[in-house]
PDB file of N, CA and C in Angstrom:
ATOM      1  N   MET A   1      66.360  83.762  40.259  1.00  0.00           N
ATOM      2  CA  MET A   1      65.733  82.565  40.786  1.00  0.00           C
ATOM      3  C   MET A   1      66.625  82.256  42.202  1.00  0.00           C
ATOM      4  N   ASN A   2      65.925  81.930  43.216  1.00  0.00           N
ATOM      5  CA  ASN A   2      66.638  81.613  44.369  1.00  0.00           C
ATOM      6  C   ASN A   2      66.044  80.495  45.046  1.00  0.00           C
ATOM      7  N   GLU A   3      66.742  80.151  46.139  1.00  0.00           N
ATOM      8  CA  GLU A   3      66.268  78.874  46.864  1.00  0.00           C
ATOM      9  C   GLU A   3      64.822  78.927  47.280  1.00  0.00           C
ATOM     10  N   ARG A   4      64.348  79.943  47.816  1.00  0.00           N
ATOM     11  CA  ARG A   4      62.974  79.941  48.197  1.00  0.00           C
ATOM     12  C   ARG A   4      61.840  79.746  47.131  1.00  0.00           C
ATOM     13  N   GLU A   5      62.377  80.231  46.008  1.00  0.00           N
ATOM     14  CA  GLU A   5      61.369  80.051  44.741  1.00  0.00           C
ATOM     15  C   GLU A   5      61.406  78.678  44.437  1.00  0.00           C
ATOM     16  N   LEU A   6      62.693  78.053  44.500  1.00  0.00           N
ATOM     17  CA  LEU A   6      62.716  76.549  44.085  1.00  0.00           C
ATOM     18  C   LEU A   6      61.999  75.671  45.199  1.00  0.00           C
ATOM     19  N   LEU A   7      62.148  76.139  46.382  1.00  0.00           N
ATOM     20  CA  LEU A   7      61.538  75.349  47.544  1.00  0.00           C
ATOM     21  C   LEU A   7      59.956  75.408  47.291  1.00  0.00           C
ATOM     22  N   ALA A   8      59.423  76.589  46.994  1.00  0.00           N
ATOM     23  CA  ALA A   8      57.939  76.864  46.825  1.00  0.00           C
ATOM     24  C   ALA A   8      57.595  76.053  45.479  1.00  0.00           C
ATOM     25  N   PHE A   9      58.301  75.966  44.510  1.00  0.00           N
ATOM     26  CA  PHE A   9      57.832  75.338  43.268  1.00  0.00           C
ATOM     27  C   PHE A   9      57.944  73.767  43.644  1.00  0.00           C
ATOM     28  N   VAL A  10      58.919  73.135  44.180  1.00  0.00           N
ATOM     29  CA  VAL A  10      58.889  71.835  44.538  1.00  0.00           C
ATOM     30  C   VAL A  10      57.764  71.386  45.309  1.00  0.00           C
ATOM     31  N   ALA A  11      57.478  72.241  46.367  1.00  0.00           N
ATOM     32  CA  ALA A  11      56.342  71.957  47.421  1.00  0.00           C
ATOM     33  C   ALA A  11      54.942  71.983  46.726  1.00  0.00           C
ATOM     34  N   VAL A  12      54.753  72.925  45.871  1.00  0.00           N
ATOM     35  CA  VAL A  12      53.534  73.048  45.208  1.00  0.00           C
ATOM     36  C   VAL A  12      53.389  71.856  44.138  1.00  0.00           C
ATOM     37  N   ALA A  13      54.502  71.608  43.520  1.00  0.00           N
ATOM     38  CA  ALA A  13      54.376  70.275  42.575  1.00  0.00           C
ATOM     39  C   ALA A  13      54.040  69.123  43.444  1.00  0.00           C
ATOM     40  N   GLU A  14      54.722  68.964  44.589  1.00  0.00           N
ATOM     41  CA  GLU A  14      54.347  67.710  45.444  1.00  0.00           C
ATOM     42  C   GLU A  14      53.061  67.632  46.109  1.00  0.00           C
ATOM     43  N   HIS A  15      52.477  68.844  46.460  1.00  0.00           N
ATOM     44  CA  HIS A  15      51.100  68.822  47.103  1.00  0.00           C
ATOM     45  C   HIS A  15      50.097  69.318  46.210  1.00  0.00           C
ATOM     46  N   GLY A  16      50.204  69.736  45.016  1.00  0.00           N
ATOM     47  CA  GLY A  16      49.216  70.038  44.244  1.00  0.00           C
ATOM     48  C   GLY A  16      48.354  71.256  44.551  1.00  0.00           C
ATOM     49  N   ARG A  17      48.669  71.932  45.498  1.00  0.00           N
ATOM     50  CA  ARG A  17      47.847  73.020  46.041  1.00  0.00           C
ATOM     51  C   ARG A  17      48.849  73.994  46.773  1.00  0.00           C
ATOM     52  N   MET A  18      48.604  75.352  46.583  1.00  0.00           N
ATOM     53  CA  MET A  18      49.382  76.343  47.142  1.00  0.00           C
ATOM     54  C   MET A  18      49.212  76.464  48.590  1.00  0.00           C
ATOM     55  N   ASP A  19      48.089  76.226  49.047  1.00  0.00           N
ATOM     56  CA  ASP A  19      47.812  76.247  50.461  1.00  0.00           C
ATOM     57  C   ASP A  19      48.527  75.084  51.305  1.00  0.00           C
ATOM     58  N   LEU A  20      48.471  73.969  50.785  1.00  0.00           N
ATOM     59  CA  LEU A  20      49.145  72.770  51.328  1.00  0.00           C
ATOM     60  C   LEU A  20      50.515  72.964  51.359  1.00  0.00           C
ATOM     61  N   ALA A  21      51.145  73.438  50.151  1.00  0.00           N
ATOM     62  CA  ALA A  21      52.513  73.692  50.126  1.00  0.00           C
ATOM     63  C   ALA A  21      53.035  74.750  51.030  1.00  0.00           C
ATOM     64  N   ALA A  22      52.238  75.814  51.211  1.00  0.00           N
ATOM     65  CA  ALA A  22      52.517  76.943  52.148  1.00  0.00           C
ATOM     66  C   ALA A  22      52.521  76.334  53.717  1.00  0.00           C
ATOM     67  N   LYS A  23      51.600  75.426  53.935  1.00  0.00           N
ATOM     68  CA  LYS A  23      51.633  74.909  55.303  1.00  0.00           C
ATOM     69  C   LYS A  23      52.772  74.061  55.525  1.00  0.00           C
ATOM     70  N   ALA A  24      53.187  73.272  54.559  1.00  0.00           N
ATOM     71  CA  ALA A  24      54.376  72.445  54.740  1.00  0.00           C
ATOM     72  C   ALA A  24      55.682  73.203  54.834  1.00  0.00           C
ATOM     73  N   LEU A  25      55.773  74.297  54.277  1.00  0.00           N
ATOM     74  CA  LEU A  25      56.919  75.110  54.235  1.00  0.00           C
ATOM     75  C   LEU A  25      56.829  76.021  55.484  1.00  0.00           C
ATOM     76  N   GLY A  26      55.812  76.140  56.103  1.00  0.00           N
ATOM     77  CA  GLY A  26      55.672  77.262  57.213  1.00  0.00           C
ATOM     78  C   GLY A  26      55.619  78.619  56.602  1.00  0.00           C
ATOM     79  N   TYR A  27      55.116  78.774  55.376  1.00  0.00           N
ATOM     80  CA  TYR A  27      54.803  80.183  54.748  1.00  0.00           C
ATOM     81  C   TYR A  27      53.361  80.412  54.763  1.00  0.00           C
ATOM     82  N   SER A  28      52.999  81.673  54.355  1.00  0.00           N
ATOM     83  CA  SER A  28      51.634  81.976  54.097  1.00  0.00           C
ATOM     84  C   SER A  28      51.389  81.501  52.624  1.00  0.00           C
ATOM     85  N   GLN A  29      50.114  81.387  52.383  1.00  0.00           N
ATOM     86  CA  GLN A  29      49.841  80.923  50.859  1.00  0.00           C
ATOM     87  C   GLN A  29      50.168  82.179  49.950  1.00  0.00           C
ATOM     88  N   PRO A  30      49.832  83.417  50.469  1.00  0.00           N
ATOM     89  CA  PRO A  30      50.308  84.482  49.434  1.00  0.00           C
ATOM     90  C   PRO A  30      51.737  84.495  49.036  1.00  0.00           C
ATOM     91  N   ALA A  31      52.554  84.264  50.110  1.00  0.00           N
ATOM     92  CA  ALA A  31      54.071  84.137  49.999  1.00  0.00           C
ATOM     93  C   ALA A  31      54.456  83.128  48.941  1.00  0.00           C
ATOM     94  N   VAL A  32      53.745  81.887  49.036  1.00  0.00           N
ATOM     95  CA  VAL A  32      54.064  80.869  48.110  1.00  0.00           C
ATOM     96  C   VAL A  32      53.565  81.298  46.725  1.00  0.00           C
ATOM     97  N   SER A  33      52.457  81.791  46.568  1.00  0.00           N
ATOM     98  CA  SER A  33      52.056  82.378  45.228  1.00  0.00           C
ATOM     99  C   SER A  33      52.913  83.343  44.590  1.00  0.00           C
ATOM    100  N   TYR A  34      53.544  84.274  45.417  1.00  0.00           N
ATOM    101  CA  TYR A  34      54.452  85.180  45.016  1.00  0.00           C
ATOM    102  C   TYR A  34      55.747  84.571  44.546  1.00  0.00           C
ATOM    103  N   GLN A  35      56.162  83.619  45.334  1.00  0.00           N
ATOM    104  CA  GLN A  35      57.431  82.985  44.942  1.00  0.00           C
ATOM    105  C   GLN A  35      57.310  82.228  43.557  1.00  0.00           C
ATOM    106  N   ILE A  36      56.149  81.660  43.340  1.00  0.00           N
ATOM    107  CA  ILE A  36      55.847  80.997  42.086  1.00  0.00           C
ATOM    108  C   ILE A  36      55.779  82.073  40.917  1.00  0.00           C
ATOM    109  N   LYS A  37      55.135  83.148  41.253  1.00  0.00           N
ATOM    110  CA  LYS A  37      54.933  84.188  40.255  1.00  0.00           C
ATOM    111  C   LYS A  37      56.363  84.826  39.763  1.00  0.00           C
ATOM    112  N   CYS A  38      57.136  84.987  40.830  1.00  0.00           N
ATOM    113  CA  CYS A  38      58.544  85.387  40.562  1.00  0.00           C
ATOM    114  C   CYS A  38      59.326  84.583  39.688  1.00  0.00           C
ATOM    115  N   LEU A  39      59.278  83.208  40.186  1.00  0.00           N
ATOM    116  CA  LEU A  39      60.040  82.179  39.276  1.00  0.00           C
ATOM    117  C   LEU A  39      59.490  82.092  37.934  1.00  0.00           C
ATOM    118  N   GLU A  40      58.293  82.188  37.656  1.00  0.00           N
ATOM    119  CA  GLU A  40      57.647  82.156  36.363  1.00  0.00           C
ATOM    120  C   GLU A  40      57.965  83.284  35.502  1.00  0.00           C
ATOM    121  N   MET A  41      58.099  84.534  36.320  1.00  0.00           N
ATOM    122  CA  MET A  41      58.609  85.728  35.475  1.00  0.00           C
ATOM    123  C   MET A  41      59.958  85.588  35.177  1.00  0.00           C
ATOM    124  N   THR A  42      60.811  85.121  35.953  1.00  0.00           N
ATOM    125  CA  THR A  42      62.287  84.941  35.638  1.00  0.00           C
ATOM    126  C   THR A  42      62.385  84.059  34.566  1.00  0.00           C
ATOM    127  N   LEU A  43      61.849  82.970  34.522  1.00  0.00           N
ATOM    128  CA  LEU A  43      61.909  81.919  33.482  1.00  0.00           C
ATOM    129  C   LEU A  43      60.978  82.166  32.263  1.00  0.00           C
ATOM    130  N   GLY A  44      60.160  83.047  32.249  1.00  0.00           N
ATOM    131  CA  GLY A  44      59.345  83.469  31.098  1.00  0.00           C
ATOM    132  C   GLY A  44      58.482  82.300  30.769  1.00  0.00           C
ATOM    133  N   ALA A  45      57.996  81.451  31.690  1.00  0.00           N
ATOM    134  CA  ALA A  45      57.188  80.373  31.368  1.00  0.00           C
ATOM    135  C   ALA A  45      56.201  80.067  32.537  1.00  0.00           C
ATOM    136  N   LYS A  46      54.974  79.617  32.127  1.00  0.00           N
ATOM    137  CA  LYS A  46      54.092  79.087  33.369  1.00  0.00           C
ATOM    138  C   LYS A  46      54.506  77.751  33.750  1.00  0.00           C
ATOM    139  N   LEU A  47      54.690  77.538  35.034  1.00  0.00           N
ATOM    140  CA  LEU A  47      54.995  76.344  35.598  1.00  0.00           C
ATOM    141  C   LEU A  47      53.801  75.481  36.085  1.00  0.00           C
ATOM    142  N   PHE A  48      52.697  75.965  36.255  1.00  0.00           N
ATOM    143  CA  PHE A  48      51.600  75.312  36.738  1.00  0.00           C
ATOM    144  C   PHE A  48      50.337  75.723  35.890  1.00  0.00           C
ATOM    145  N   VAL A  49      49.465  74.757  35.761  1.00  0.00           N
ATOM    146  CA  VAL A  49      48.121  75.010  35.279  1.00  0.00           C
ATOM    147  C   VAL A  49      47.121  75.102  36.441  1.00  0.00           C
ATOM    148  N   ARG A  50      46.514  76.263  36.549  1.00  0.00           N
ATOM    149  CA  ARG A  50      45.728  76.520  37.796  1.00  0.00           C
ATOM    150  C   ARG A  50      44.353  75.956  37.518  1.00  0.00           C
ATOM    151  N   THR A  51      43.630  75.442  38.445  1.00  0.00           N
ATOM    152  CA  THR A  51      42.357  74.769  38.336  1.00  0.00           C
ATOM    153  C   THR A  51      41.644  75.096  39.678  1.00  0.00           C
ATOM    154  N   SER A  52      40.390  74.957  39.797  1.00  0.00           N
ATOM    155  CA  SER A  52      39.546  75.282  40.987  1.00  0.00           C
ATOM    156  C   SER A  52      39.970  74.336  42.048  1.00  0.00           C
ATOM    157  N   SER A  53      40.504  73.210  41.805  1.00  0.00           N
ATOM    158  CA  SER A  53      40.794  72.179  42.727  1.00  0.00           C
ATOM    159  C   SER A  53      42.305  72.301  43.219  1.00  0.00           C
ATOM    160  N   GLY A  54      43.084  73.172  42.462  1.00  0.00           N
ATOM    161  CA  GLY A  54      44.562  73.008  42.853  1.00  0.00           C
ATOM    162  C   GLY A  54      45.423  73.478  41.590  1.00  0.00           C
ATOM    163  N   VAL A  55      46.507  72.859  41.419  1.00  0.00           N
ATOM    164  CA  VAL A  55      47.409  73.035  40.314  1.00  0.00           C
ATOM    165  C   VAL A  55      47.945  71.706  39.854  1.00  0.00           C
ATOM    166  N   THR A  56      48.340  71.677  38.491  1.00  0.00           N
ATOM    167  CA  THR A  56      49.177  70.656  38.122  1.00  0.00           C
ATOM    168  C   THR A  56      50.340  71.256  37.214  1.00  0.00           C
ATOM    169  N   LEU A  57      51.366  70.339  37.165  1.00  0.00           N
ATOM    170  CA  LEU A  57      52.483  70.973  36.493  1.00  0.00           C
ATOM    171  C   LEU A  57      52.185  71.209  34.962  1.00  0.00           C
ATOM    172  N   SER A  58      52.612  72.255  34.462  1.00  0.00           N
ATOM    173  CA  SER A  58      52.576  72.469  33.053  1.00  0.00           C
ATOM    174  C   SER A  58      53.636  71.648  32.334  1.00  0.00           C
ATOM    175  N   ARG A  59      53.804  71.586  31.069  1.00  0.00           N
ATOM    176  CA  ARG A  59      54.745  70.935  30.365  1.00  0.00           C
ATOM    177  C   ARG A  59      56.130  71.261  30.859  1.00  0.00           C
ATOM    178  N   THR A  60      56.338  72.688  30.900  1.00  0.00           N
ATOM    179  CA  THR A  60      57.561  73.222  31.143  1.00  0.00           C
ATOM    180  C   THR A  60      57.841  72.857  32.921  1.00  0.00           C
ATOM    181  N   GLY A  61      56.871  73.004  33.587  1.00  0.00           N
ATOM    182  CA  GLY A  61      57.010  72.676  34.979  1.00  0.00           C
ATOM    183  C   GLY A  61      57.502  71.213  35.125  1.00  0.00           C
ATOM    184  N   ALA A  62      56.959  70.300  34.343  1.00  0.00           N
ATOM    185  CA  ALA A  62      57.292  68.962  34.642  1.00  0.00           C
ATOM    186  C   ALA A  62      58.679  68.671  34.088  1.00  0.00           C
ATOM    187  N   LEU A  63      59.084  69.411  33.188  1.00  0.00           N
ATOM    188  CA  LEU A  63      60.451  69.239  32.602  1.00  0.00           C
ATOM    189  C   LEU A  63      61.509  69.945  33.774  1.00  0.00           C
ATOM    190  N   MET A  64      61.074  70.812  34.262  1.00  0.00           N
ATOM    191  CA  MET A  64      61.935  71.610  35.317  1.00  0.00           C
ATOM    192  C   MET A  64      62.086  70.862  36.732  1.00  0.00           C
ATOM    193  N   LEU A  65      61.053  70.174  37.065  1.00  0.00           N
ATOM    194  CA  LEU A  65      60.941  69.582  38.389  1.00  0.00           C
ATOM    195  C   LEU A  65      62.264  68.845  38.758  1.00  0.00           C
ATOM    196  N   PRO A  66      62.772  67.954  37.991  1.00  0.00           N
ATOM    197  CA  PRO A  66      63.832  67.147  38.364  1.00  0.00           C
ATOM    198  C   PRO A  66      65.073  68.006  38.571  1.00  0.00           C
ATOM    199  N   SER A  67      65.204  68.940  37.709  1.00  0.00           N
ATOM    200  CA  SER A  67      66.435  70.019  37.959  1.00  0.00           C
ATOM    201  C   SER A  67      66.249  70.724  39.215  1.00  0.00           C
ATOM    202  N   ALA A  68      65.092  71.179  39.547  1.00  0.00           N
ATOM    203  CA  ALA A  68      64.928  71.953  40.728  1.00  0.00           C
ATOM    204  C   ALA A  68      65.161  71.036  42.032  1.00  0.00           C
ATOM    205  N   GLN A  69      64.805  69.872  41.941  1.00  0.00           N
ATOM    206  CA  GLN A  69      64.929  68.989  43.059  1.00  0.00           C
ATOM    207  C   GLN A  69      66.579  68.719  43.198  1.00  0.00           C
ATOM    208  N   ALA A  70      67.132  68.640  42.034  1.00  0.00           N
ATOM    209  CA  ALA A  70      68.611  68.222  42.095  1.00  0.00           C
ATOM    210  C   ALA A  70      69.317  69.585  42.599  1.00  0.00           C
ATOM    211  N   VAL A  71      68.995  70.777  42.374  1.00  0.00           N
ATOM    212  CA  VAL A  71      69.579  71.980  42.817  1.00  0.00           C
ATOM    213  C   VAL A  71      69.475  72.081  44.207  1.00  0.00           C
ATOM    214  N   LEU A  72      68.151  71.778  44.685  1.00  0.00           N
ATOM    215  CA  LEU A  72      67.996  71.832  46.127  1.00  0.00           C
ATOM    216  C   LEU A  72      68.766  70.839  46.887  1.00  0.00           C
ATOM    217  N   THR A  73      68.851  69.732  46.409  1.00  0.00           N
ATOM    218  CA  THR A  73      69.675  68.562  47.067  1.00  0.00           C
ATOM    219  C   THR A  73      71.162  69.137  47.079  1.00  0.00           C
ATOM    220  N   LEU A  74      71.640  69.692  45.986  1.00  0.00           N
ATOM    221  CA  LEU A  74      73.075  70.174  46.081  1.00  0.00           C
ATOM    222  C   LEU A  74      73.138  71.267  46.987  1.00  0.00           C
ATOM    223  N   MET A  75      72.297  72.188  47.183  1.00  0.00           N
ATOM    224  CA  MET A  75      72.275  73.272  48.145  1.00  0.00           C
ATOM    225  C   MET A  75      72.340  72.734  49.606  1.00  0.00           C
ATOM    226  N   ARG A  76      71.522  71.719  49.857  1.00  0.00           N
ATOM    227  CA  ARG A  76      71.500  71.050  51.328  1.00  0.00           C
ATOM    228  C   ARG A  76      72.949  70.322  51.479  1.00  0.00           C
ATOM    229  N   GLY A  77      73.433  69.772  50.472  1.00  0.00           N
ATOM    230  CA  GLY A  77      74.845  69.135  50.541  1.00  0.00           C
ATOM    231  C   GLY A  77      75.826  70.249  50.925  1.00  0.00           C
ATOM    232  N   ILE A  78      75.954  71.281  50.285  1.00  0.00           N
ATOM    233  CA  ILE A  78      76.754  72.372  50.443  1.00  0.00           C
ATOM    234  C   ILE A  78      76.622  72.993  51.900  1.00  0.00           C
ATOM    235  N   LYS A  79      75.413  73.166  52.218  1.00  0.00           N
ATOM    236  CA  LYS A  79      75.152  73.711  53.679  1.00  0.00           C
ATOM    237  C   LYS A  79      75.659  72.796  54.703  1.00  0.00           C
ATOM    238  N   ALA A  80      75.404  71.419  54.532  1.00  0.00           N
ATOM    239  CA  ALA A  80      75.843  70.295  55.346  1.00  0.00           C
ATOM    240  C   ALA A  80      77.439  70.330  55.425  1.00  0.00           C
ATOM    241  N   THR A  81      78.019  70.399  54.397  1.00  0.00           N
ATOM    242  CA  THR A  81      79.424  70.407  54.266  1.00  0.00           C
ATOM    243  C   THR A  81      80.065  71.585  55.035  1.00  0.00           C
ATOM    244  N   THR A  82      79.533  72.778  54.811  1.00  0.00           N
ATOM    245  CA  THR A  82      80.008  73.982  55.362  1.00  0.00           C
ATOM    246  C   THR A  82      79.653  74.246  56.830  1.00  0.00           C
ATOM    247  N   GLY A  83      78.439  73.647  57.191  1.00  0.00           N
ATOM    248  CA  GLY A  83      77.723  73.962  58.463  1.00  0.00           C
ATOM    249  C   GLY A  83      77.238  75.167  58.468  1.00  0.00           C
ATOM    250  N   ASP A  84      77.016  75.951  57.308  1.00  0.00           N
ATOM    251  CA  ASP A  84      76.368  77.128  57.306  1.00  0.00           C
ATOM    252  C   ASP A  84      75.088  77.063  56.795  1.00  0.00           C
ATOM    253  N   LEU A  85      74.013  77.189  57.684  1.00  0.00           N
ATOM    254  CA  LEU A  85      72.545  76.997  57.328  1.00  0.00           C
ATOM    255  C   LEU A  85      72.014  78.246  56.561  1.00  0.00           C
ATOM    256  N   ALA A  86      72.850  79.383  56.556  1.00  0.00           N
ATOM    257  CA  ALA A  86      72.294  80.608  55.947  1.00  0.00           C
ATOM    258  C   ALA A  86      73.043  80.736  54.642  1.00  0.00           C
ATOM    259  N   LEU A  87      73.823  79.798  54.312  1.00  0.00           N
ATOM    260  CA  LEU A  87      74.648  79.895  53.037  1.00  0.00           C
ATOM    261  C   LEU A  87      73.879  80.514  51.709  1.00  0.00           C
ATOM    262  N   VAL A  88      72.749  79.911  51.568  1.00  0.00           N
ATOM    263  CA  VAL A  88      71.995  80.299  50.392  1.00  0.00           C
ATOM    264  C   VAL A  88      70.569  80.954  50.829  1.00  0.00           C
ATOM    265  N   ALA A  89      70.299  82.148  50.635  1.00  0.00           N
ATOM    266  CA  ALA A  89      69.016  82.583  51.195  1.00  0.00           C
ATOM    267  C   ALA A  89      68.201  83.044  49.944  1.00  0.00           C
TER     268      ALA A  89
END
């Protein structure tokens, strides 16, 4: 699990669609889908329920979202404190 995967997860959760999350992050849609797939494989759980109109959080995804947001907030704080924007890649 890495920062990009968590960023993709939170963005998809917030936007409800992979393409909109990708646009918000400045990534391609396949890159976001890949990040989500890698995260799901690492965790051994599906984080989203896919539909024809987008995605919704699975039960596991809904439980994980606050923790992912907290981790990203901590990472931003560490980067701000150290002034190193490449601290976590």
